[in-house]
Amino acid sequence: MTAMFVNLPVTDLERAKAFYTAIGFSINPLFTDHNAACVVVEEDHSYFMILVRDFFQTFTDRPIGDPSATVSVATAIFLDTREAVDVTLAAGLAAGGSEMHPLTDYGFMYQRQLTDPDGNVLEFGFMDPVAAAQGPAAFMSQQA
């Protein structure tokens, strides 16, 4: 089975764990210690590894960017409904995140951007099932 792990540098591991659990994810304790935590986005498929910056640095000889100053990646996670997107954003904002970009609503696709306390950008979205399966034009023709 293919699984995806997105590694994110963080300055405060406990704060980051609290943030990611507040937005509905869980922590896998088998892969969590004082240097890192495994955040389960989708069991058996998608994970974040949140790593303290010093530990993250051991995986590369290149300098680690500061996501609070420069965006180099945005991770998009699509949910089942628009309401789930809004609930997730509300929980993330209450847990110390910020919404630095206005929501986008294309009719067939709805997205909101949530920045974690370290500046890592998460985009939560919903896509109409017809558009997801057949493309945006199919959704638009249904609306006409």
N, C-alpha and C. Protein backbone atom coordinates (compact mmCIF):
# COMPACT_ATOMS: atom_id res chain seq x y z
N MET A 1 0.84 -1.19 0.00
CA MET A 1 0.00 0.00 0.00
C MET A 1 0.88 1.24 0.00
N THR A 2 0.50 2.21 -0.79
CA THR A 2 1.21 3.47 -0.83
C THR A 2 0.71 4.37 0.29
N ALA A 3 1.64 5.00 0.98
CA ALA A 3 1.30 5.96 2.02
C ALA A 3 2.12 7.22 1.79
N MET A 4 1.57 8.36 2.18
CA MET A 4 2.26 9.63 2.02
C MET A 4 2.52 10.24 3.39
N PHE A 5 3.76 10.64 3.60
CA PHE A 5 4.16 11.34 4.82
C PHE A 5 4.69 12.71 4.41
N VAL A 6 4.09 13.77 4.94
CA VAL A 6 4.55 15.13 4.70
C VAL A 6 5.26 15.58 5.98
N ASN A 7 6.54 15.90 5.86
CA ASN A 7 7.33 16.33 7.01
C ASN A 7 7.24 17.84 7.16
N LEU A 8 6.90 18.30 8.36
CA LEU A 8 6.76 19.73 8.62
C LEU A 8 7.63 20.12 9.82
N PRO A 9 8.45 21.16 9.67
CA PRO A 9 9.23 21.64 10.81
C PRO A 9 8.35 22.47 11.74
N VAL A 10 8.54 22.28 13.04
CA VAL A 10 7.78 23.04 14.04
C VAL A 10 8.72 23.54 15.12
N THR A 11 8.34 24.62 15.77
CA THR A 11 9.17 25.18 16.84
C THR A 11 8.77 24.67 18.21
N ASP A 12 7.52 24.27 18.37
CA ASP A 12 7.00 23.81 19.66
C ASP A 12 6.17 22.56 19.38
N LEU A 13 6.72 21.39 19.67
CA LEU A 13 6.06 20.13 19.33
C LEU A 13 4.73 19.96 20.06
N GLU A 14 4.67 20.31 21.32
CA GLU A 14 3.41 20.15 22.07
C GLU A 14 2.33 21.06 21.51
N ARG A 15 2.69 22.29 21.18
CA ARG A 15 1.72 23.22 20.58
C ARG A 15 1.23 22.68 19.24
N ALA A 16 2.16 22.15 18.44
CA ALA A 16 1.79 21.61 17.14
C ALA A 16 0.88 20.39 17.29
N LYS A 17 1.18 19.51 18.24
CA LYS A 17 0.31 18.34 18.48
C LYS A 17 -1.08 18.79 18.88
N ALA A 18 -1.17 19.78 19.74
CA ALA A 18 -2.48 20.29 20.17
C ALA A 18 -3.24 20.88 18.99
N PHE A 19 -2.55 21.61 18.12
CA PHE A 19 -3.19 22.21 16.95
C PHE A 19 -3.73 21.13 16.03
N TYR A 20 -2.92 20.15 15.68
CA TYR A 20 -3.34 19.13 14.71
C TYR A 20 -4.43 18.21 15.27
N THR A 21 -4.44 17.97 16.56
CA THR A 21 -5.55 17.19 17.11
C THR A 21 -6.81 18.04 17.19
N ALA A 22 -6.67 19.34 17.40
CA ALA A 22 -7.84 20.23 17.46
C ALA A 22 -8.57 20.28 16.12
N ILE A 23 -7.85 20.09 15.02
CA ILE A 23 -8.52 20.15 13.71
C ILE A 23 -8.97 18.77 13.25
N GLY A 24 -8.94 17.80 14.16
CA GLY A 24 -9.57 16.52 13.87
C GLY A 24 -8.65 15.36 13.55
N PHE A 25 -7.35 15.57 13.58
CA PHE A 25 -6.42 14.48 13.32
C PHE A 25 -6.01 13.83 14.63
N SER A 26 -5.40 12.66 14.54
CA SER A 26 -4.93 11.98 15.75
C SER A 26 -3.42 11.82 15.68
N ILE A 27 -2.84 11.50 16.83
CA ILE A 27 -1.39 11.28 16.94
C ILE A 27 -1.15 9.79 17.11
N ASN A 28 -0.26 9.23 16.30
CA ASN A 28 0.13 7.83 16.44
C ASN A 28 1.27 7.77 17.45
N PRO A 29 1.00 7.26 18.66
CA PRO A 29 2.04 7.27 19.71
C PRO A 29 3.22 6.34 19.40
N LEU A 30 3.04 5.37 18.51
CA LEU A 30 4.14 4.46 18.17
C LEU A 30 5.26 5.17 17.42
N PHE A 31 4.95 6.29 16.79
CA PHE A 31 5.94 7.04 16.02
C PHE A 31 6.05 8.48 16.52
N THR A 32 5.97 8.62 17.84
CA THR A 32 6.01 9.93 18.46
C THR A 32 6.99 9.90 19.63
N ASP A 33 7.84 10.91 19.70
CA ASP A 33 8.74 11.05 20.84
C ASP A 33 8.98 12.54 21.07
N HIS A 34 10.07 12.89 21.74
CA HIS A 34 10.35 14.30 22.05
C HIS A 34 10.80 15.10 20.82
N ASN A 35 11.16 14.42 19.73
CA ASN A 35 11.62 15.09 18.53
C ASN A 35 10.55 15.23 17.44
N ALA A 36 9.59 14.32 17.48
CA ALA A 36 8.64 14.26 16.37
C ALA A 36 7.33 13.61 16.81
N ALA A 37 6.29 13.87 16.02
CA ALA A 37 5.01 13.21 16.24
C ALA A 37 4.42 12.86 14.88
N CYS A 38 3.79 11.70 14.83
CA CYS A 38 3.13 11.26 13.61
C CYS A 38 1.65 11.63 13.71
N VAL A 39 1.23 12.53 12.83
CA VAL A 39 -0.16 12.98 12.79
C VAL A 39 -0.88 12.16 11.71
N VAL A 40 -1.92 11.46 12.14
CA VAL A 40 -2.69 10.63 11.20
C VAL A 40 -3.75 11.49 10.54
N VAL A 41 -3.58 11.71 9.24
CA VAL A 41 -4.57 12.46 8.46
C VAL A 41 -5.63 11.49 7.97
N GLU A 42 -5.20 10.40 7.36
CA GLU A 42 -6.10 9.33 6.91
C GLU A 42 -5.38 8.01 7.16
N GLU A 43 -5.93 7.22 8.06
CA GLU A 43 -5.32 5.95 8.46
C GLU A 43 -4.89 5.13 7.25
N ASP A 44 -3.68 4.61 7.32
CA ASP A 44 -3.09 3.76 6.27
C ASP A 44 -2.84 4.49 4.95
N HIS A 45 -2.88 5.82 4.97
CA HIS A 45 -2.68 6.53 3.70
C HIS A 45 -1.89 7.83 3.85
N SER A 46 -2.35 8.76 4.66
CA SER A 46 -1.77 10.11 4.69
C SER A 46 -1.42 10.53 6.11
N TYR A 47 -0.22 11.08 6.24
CA TYR A 47 0.29 11.47 7.56
C TYR A 47 1.11 12.75 7.45
N PHE A 48 1.16 13.51 8.54
CA PHE A 48 2.15 14.56 8.72
C PHE A 48 3.12 14.06 9.76
N MET A 49 4.39 14.27 9.52
CA MET A 49 5.39 14.09 10.57
C MET A 49 5.78 15.51 10.98
N ILE A 50 5.41 15.88 12.19
CA ILE A 50 5.78 17.20 12.70
C ILE A 50 7.06 16.99 13.50
N LEU A 51 8.10 17.69 13.09
CA LEU A 51 9.43 17.49 13.66
C LEU A 51 9.98 18.81 14.19
N VAL A 52 10.56 18.77 15.39
CA VAL A 52 11.21 19.98 15.89
C VAL A 52 12.32 20.34 14.91
N ARG A 53 12.56 21.63 14.78
CA ARG A 53 13.45 22.11 13.73
C ARG A 53 14.85 21.49 13.78
N ASP A 54 15.43 21.33 14.96
CA ASP A 54 16.77 20.73 15.07
C ASP A 54 16.78 19.30 14.55
N PHE A 55 15.74 18.55 14.86
CA PHE A 55 15.65 17.17 14.37
C PHE A 55 15.38 17.15 12.86
N PHE A 56 14.51 18.01 12.40
CA PHE A 56 14.24 18.12 10.96
C PHE A 56 15.54 18.37 10.21
N GLN A 57 16.42 19.22 10.78
CA GLN A 57 17.68 19.57 10.12
C GLN A 57 18.57 18.35 9.90
N THR A 58 18.43 17.29 10.71
CA THR A 58 19.27 16.10 10.54
C THR A 58 18.97 15.34 9.26
N PHE A 59 17.87 15.66 8.59
CA PHE A 59 17.48 14.97 7.37
C PHE A 59 17.98 15.66 6.10
N THR A 60 18.64 16.81 6.25
CA THR A 60 19.10 17.55 5.08
C THR A 60 20.34 18.36 5.43
N ASP A 61 21.17 18.59 4.42
CA ASP A 61 22.31 19.48 4.58
C ASP A 61 21.96 20.91 4.17
N ARG A 62 20.79 21.08 3.57
CA ARG A 62 20.35 22.40 3.14
C ARG A 62 19.67 23.11 4.30
N PRO A 63 19.68 24.44 4.30
CA PRO A 63 19.00 25.16 5.38
C PRO A 63 17.49 24.94 5.33
N ILE A 64 16.87 24.93 6.49
CA ILE A 64 15.42 24.80 6.59
C ILE A 64 14.81 26.18 6.48
N GLY A 65 13.82 26.31 5.63
CA GLY A 65 13.14 27.58 5.49
C GLY A 65 12.26 27.88 6.70
N ASP A 66 11.88 29.10 6.82
CA ASP A 66 10.98 29.53 7.88
C ASP A 66 9.59 29.72 7.27
N PRO A 67 8.67 28.76 7.50
CA PRO A 67 7.35 28.86 6.87
C PRO A 67 6.54 30.07 7.33
N SER A 68 6.93 30.68 8.45
CA SER A 68 6.19 31.88 8.87
C SER A 68 6.60 33.10 8.05
N ALA A 69 7.73 33.00 7.35
CA ALA A 69 8.21 34.11 6.53
C ALA A 69 8.03 33.87 5.04
N THR A 70 8.21 32.62 4.60
CA THR A 70 8.17 32.30 3.18
C THR A 70 7.41 31.01 2.96
N VAL A 71 6.39 31.05 2.14
CA VAL A 71 5.62 29.84 1.83
C VAL A 71 6.34 29.09 0.72
N SER A 72 6.60 27.81 0.94
CA SER A 72 7.21 27.01 -0.11
C SER A 72 6.34 25.82 -0.49
N VAL A 73 5.32 25.55 0.32
CA VAL A 73 4.41 24.45 0.02
C VAL A 73 3.07 24.72 0.72
N ALA A 74 2.00 24.26 0.08
CA ALA A 74 0.67 24.28 0.69
C ALA A 74 0.10 22.88 0.50
N THR A 75 -0.30 22.26 1.59
CA THR A 75 -0.83 20.90 1.54
C THR A 75 -2.34 20.98 1.51
N ALA A 76 -2.95 20.44 0.45
CA ALA A 76 -4.41 20.49 0.29
C ALA A 76 -5.02 19.18 0.76
N ILE A 77 -6.05 19.30 1.59
CA ILE A 77 -6.78 18.16 2.12
C ILE A 77 -8.25 18.40 1.81
N PHE A 78 -8.85 17.49 1.07
CA PHE A 78 -10.25 17.66 0.69
C PHE A 78 -11.13 16.83 1.61
N LEU A 79 -12.21 17.46 2.06
CA LEU A 79 -13.15 16.87 3.00
C LEU A 79 -14.47 16.57 2.29
N ASP A 80 -15.39 15.93 3.00
CA ASP A 80 -16.63 15.45 2.40
C ASP A 80 -17.68 16.53 2.14
N THR A 81 -17.62 17.64 2.88
CA THR A 81 -18.63 18.69 2.72
C THR A 81 -18.01 20.07 2.92
N ARG A 82 -18.71 21.09 2.44
CA ARG A 82 -18.29 22.47 2.72
C ARG A 82 -18.34 22.73 4.22
N GLU A 83 -19.37 22.19 4.85
CA GLU A 83 -19.53 22.40 6.29
C GLU A 83 -18.34 21.83 7.05
N ALA A 84 -17.83 20.67 6.62
CA ALA A 84 -16.66 20.07 7.28
C ALA A 84 -15.44 20.98 7.12
N VAL A 85 -15.32 21.64 5.98
CA VAL A 85 -14.23 22.59 5.77
C VAL A 85 -14.35 23.73 6.78
N ASP A 86 -15.56 24.29 6.90
CA ASP A 86 -15.77 25.42 7.81
C ASP A 86 -15.55 25.02 9.27
N VAL A 87 -16.00 23.83 9.65
CA VAL A 87 -15.81 23.34 11.03
C VAL A 87 -14.31 23.17 11.32
N THR A 88 -13.60 22.60 10.36
CA THR A 88 -12.15 22.40 10.54
C THR A 88 -11.43 23.73 10.67
N LEU A 89 -11.80 24.71 9.84
CA LEU A 89 -11.17 26.02 9.94
C LEU A 89 -11.47 26.68 11.28
N ALA A 90 -12.70 26.58 11.73
CA ALA A 90 -13.06 27.17 13.02
C ALA A 90 -12.24 26.55 14.15
N ALA A 91 -12.09 25.23 14.11
CA ALA A 91 -11.29 24.54 15.14
C ALA A 91 -9.82 24.96 15.06
N GLY A 92 -9.30 25.08 13.85
CA GLY A 92 -7.91 25.49 13.68
C GLY A 92 -7.66 26.91 14.13
N LEU A 93 -8.59 27.81 13.85
CA LEU A 93 -8.45 29.19 14.29
C LEU A 93 -8.49 29.27 15.82
N ALA A 94 -9.38 28.49 16.44
CA ALA A 94 -9.47 28.47 17.89
C ALA A 94 -8.22 27.87 18.53
N ALA A 95 -7.50 27.02 17.79
CA ALA A 95 -6.31 26.36 18.31
C ALA A 95 -5.02 27.13 17.99
N GLY A 96 -5.15 28.35 17.51
CA GLY A 96 -3.97 29.18 17.29
C GLY A 96 -3.55 29.34 15.84
N GLY A 97 -4.31 28.78 14.92
CA GLY A 97 -4.00 28.95 13.51
C GLY A 97 -4.52 30.29 13.01
N SER A 98 -4.24 30.58 11.74
CA SER A 98 -4.74 31.82 11.15
C SER A 98 -5.19 31.56 9.72
N GLU A 99 -6.08 32.42 9.26
CA GLU A 99 -6.57 32.34 7.89
C GLU A 99 -6.06 33.58 7.16
N MET A 100 -4.96 33.41 6.44
CA MET A 100 -4.26 34.53 5.83
C MET A 100 -4.78 34.87 4.43
N HIS A 101 -5.60 34.01 3.87
CA HIS A 101 -6.08 34.18 2.49
C HIS A 101 -7.59 34.02 2.49
N PRO A 102 -8.31 34.85 1.75
CA PRO A 102 -9.77 34.70 1.73
C PRO A 102 -10.19 33.37 1.08
N LEU A 103 -11.34 32.88 1.48
CA LEU A 103 -11.84 31.63 0.90
C LEU A 103 -12.07 31.79 -0.58
N THR A 104 -11.99 30.67 -1.29
CA THR A 104 -12.30 30.67 -2.72
C THR A 104 -13.47 29.72 -2.94
N ASP A 105 -14.42 30.17 -3.74
CA ASP A 105 -15.60 29.37 -4.05
C ASP A 105 -15.84 29.44 -5.55
N TYR A 106 -15.53 28.33 -6.23
CA TYR A 106 -15.71 28.25 -7.67
C TYR A 106 -17.02 27.56 -8.04
N GLY A 107 -17.89 27.35 -7.07
CA GLY A 107 -19.14 26.63 -7.31
C GLY A 107 -18.92 25.13 -7.15
N PHE A 108 -18.08 24.56 -7.99
CA PHE A 108 -17.79 23.12 -7.91
C PHE A 108 -16.71 22.81 -6.88
N MET A 109 -15.93 23.84 -6.47
CA MET A 109 -14.85 23.64 -5.52
C MET A 109 -14.82 24.80 -4.53
N TYR A 110 -14.66 24.44 -3.26
CA TYR A 110 -14.67 25.40 -2.16
C TYR A 110 -13.40 25.15 -1.35
N GLN A 111 -12.59 26.20 -1.12
CA GLN A 111 -11.35 26.03 -0.39
C GLN A 111 -11.13 27.15 0.61
N ARG A 112 -10.54 26.76 1.74
CA ARG A 112 -10.11 27.74 2.73
C ARG A 112 -8.70 27.38 3.17
N GLN A 113 -7.91 28.39 3.43
CA GLN A 113 -6.51 28.19 3.79
C GLN A 113 -6.32 28.43 5.28
N LEU A 114 -5.69 27.46 5.94
CA LEU A 114 -5.41 27.54 7.37
C LEU A 114 -3.90 27.45 7.55
N THR A 115 -3.34 28.43 8.25
CA THR A 115 -1.92 28.42 8.54
C THR A 115 -1.74 27.97 9.98
N ASP A 116 -0.88 26.95 10.19
CA ASP A 116 -0.66 26.46 11.55
C ASP A 116 0.19 27.47 12.32
N PRO A 117 0.35 27.30 13.64
CA PRO A 117 1.10 28.29 14.43
C PRO A 117 2.55 28.50 13.98
N ASP A 118 3.12 27.55 13.23
CA ASP A 118 4.48 27.71 12.73
C ASP A 118 4.55 28.32 11.35
N GLY A 119 3.40 28.53 10.71
CA GLY A 119 3.37 29.13 9.39
C GLY A 119 3.18 28.14 8.26
N ASN A 120 3.08 26.85 8.56
CA ASN A 120 2.83 25.85 7.53
C ASN A 120 1.41 26.01 7.00
N VAL A 121 1.24 26.00 5.68
CA VAL A 121 -0.05 26.27 5.06
C VAL A 121 -0.79 24.98 4.73
N LEU A 122 -2.01 24.89 5.22
CA LEU A 122 -2.92 23.78 4.91
C LEU A 122 -4.11 24.36 4.17
N GLU A 123 -4.51 23.73 3.10
CA GLU A 123 -5.70 24.16 2.38
C GLU A 123 -6.76 23.07 2.54
N PHE A 124 -7.87 23.42 3.13
CA PHE A 124 -8.97 22.47 3.28
C PHE A 124 -10.02 22.81 2.23
N GLY A 125 -10.50 21.79 1.56
CA GLY A 125 -11.44 22.04 0.49
C GLY A 125 -12.50 20.97 0.37
N PHE A 126 -13.47 21.29 -0.44
CA PHE A 126 -14.54 20.37 -0.83
C PHE A 126 -14.70 20.50 -2.33
N MET A 127 -14.84 19.36 -3.01
CA MET A 127 -15.13 19.38 -4.44
C MET A 127 -16.39 18.57 -4.68
N ASP A 128 -17.29 19.15 -5.46
CA ASP A 128 -18.51 18.45 -5.83
C ASP A 128 -18.13 17.11 -6.46
N PRO A 129 -18.82 16.02 -6.03
CA PRO A 129 -18.47 14.68 -6.55
C PRO A 129 -18.55 14.57 -8.08
N VAL A 130 -19.49 15.26 -8.72
CA VAL A 130 -19.59 15.22 -10.18
C VAL A 130 -18.35 15.86 -10.79
N ALA A 131 -17.94 17.00 -10.26
CA ALA A 131 -16.74 17.67 -10.77
C ALA A 131 -15.51 16.84 -10.52
N ALA A 132 -15.43 16.19 -9.36
CA ALA A 132 -14.27 15.36 -9.05
C ALA A 132 -14.16 14.18 -10.01
N ALA A 133 -15.29 13.61 -10.39
CA ALA A 133 -15.29 12.43 -11.26
C ALA A 133 -15.20 12.78 -12.74
N GLN A 134 -15.86 13.88 -13.13
CA GLN A 134 -16.01 14.17 -14.56
C GLN A 134 -15.42 15.51 -15.00
N GLY A 135 -14.90 16.28 -14.05
CA GLY A 135 -14.33 17.58 -14.38
C GLY A 135 -15.32 18.70 -14.11
N PRO A 136 -14.80 19.91 -13.97
CA PRO A 136 -15.65 21.07 -13.65
C PRO A 136 -16.74 21.34 -14.67
N ALA A 137 -16.49 21.08 -15.95
CA ALA A 137 -17.50 21.35 -16.97
C ALA A 137 -18.76 20.54 -16.75
N ALA A 138 -18.61 19.29 -16.30
CA ALA A 138 -19.78 18.44 -16.04
C ALA A 138 -20.62 19.04 -14.92
N PHE A 139 -19.98 19.54 -13.87
CA PHE A 139 -20.71 20.18 -12.79
C PHE A 139 -21.43 21.43 -13.30
N MET A 140 -20.74 22.23 -14.08
CA MET A 140 -21.33 23.47 -14.58
C MET A 140 -22.52 23.20 -15.49
N SER A 141 -22.46 22.13 -16.30
CA SER A 141 -23.59 21.82 -17.17
C SER A 141 -24.79 21.37 -16.36
N GLN A 142 -24.59 20.76 -15.20
CA GLN A 142 -25.69 20.39 -14.30
C GLN A 142 -26.38 21.62 -13.75
N GLN A 143 -25.61 22.69 -13.56
CA GLN A 143 -26.15 23.90 -12.95
C GLN A 143 -26.93 24.75 -13.95
N ALA A 144 -26.70 24.53 -15.24
CA ALA A 144 -27.35 25.36 -16.27
C ALA A 144 -28.81 25.02 -16.45
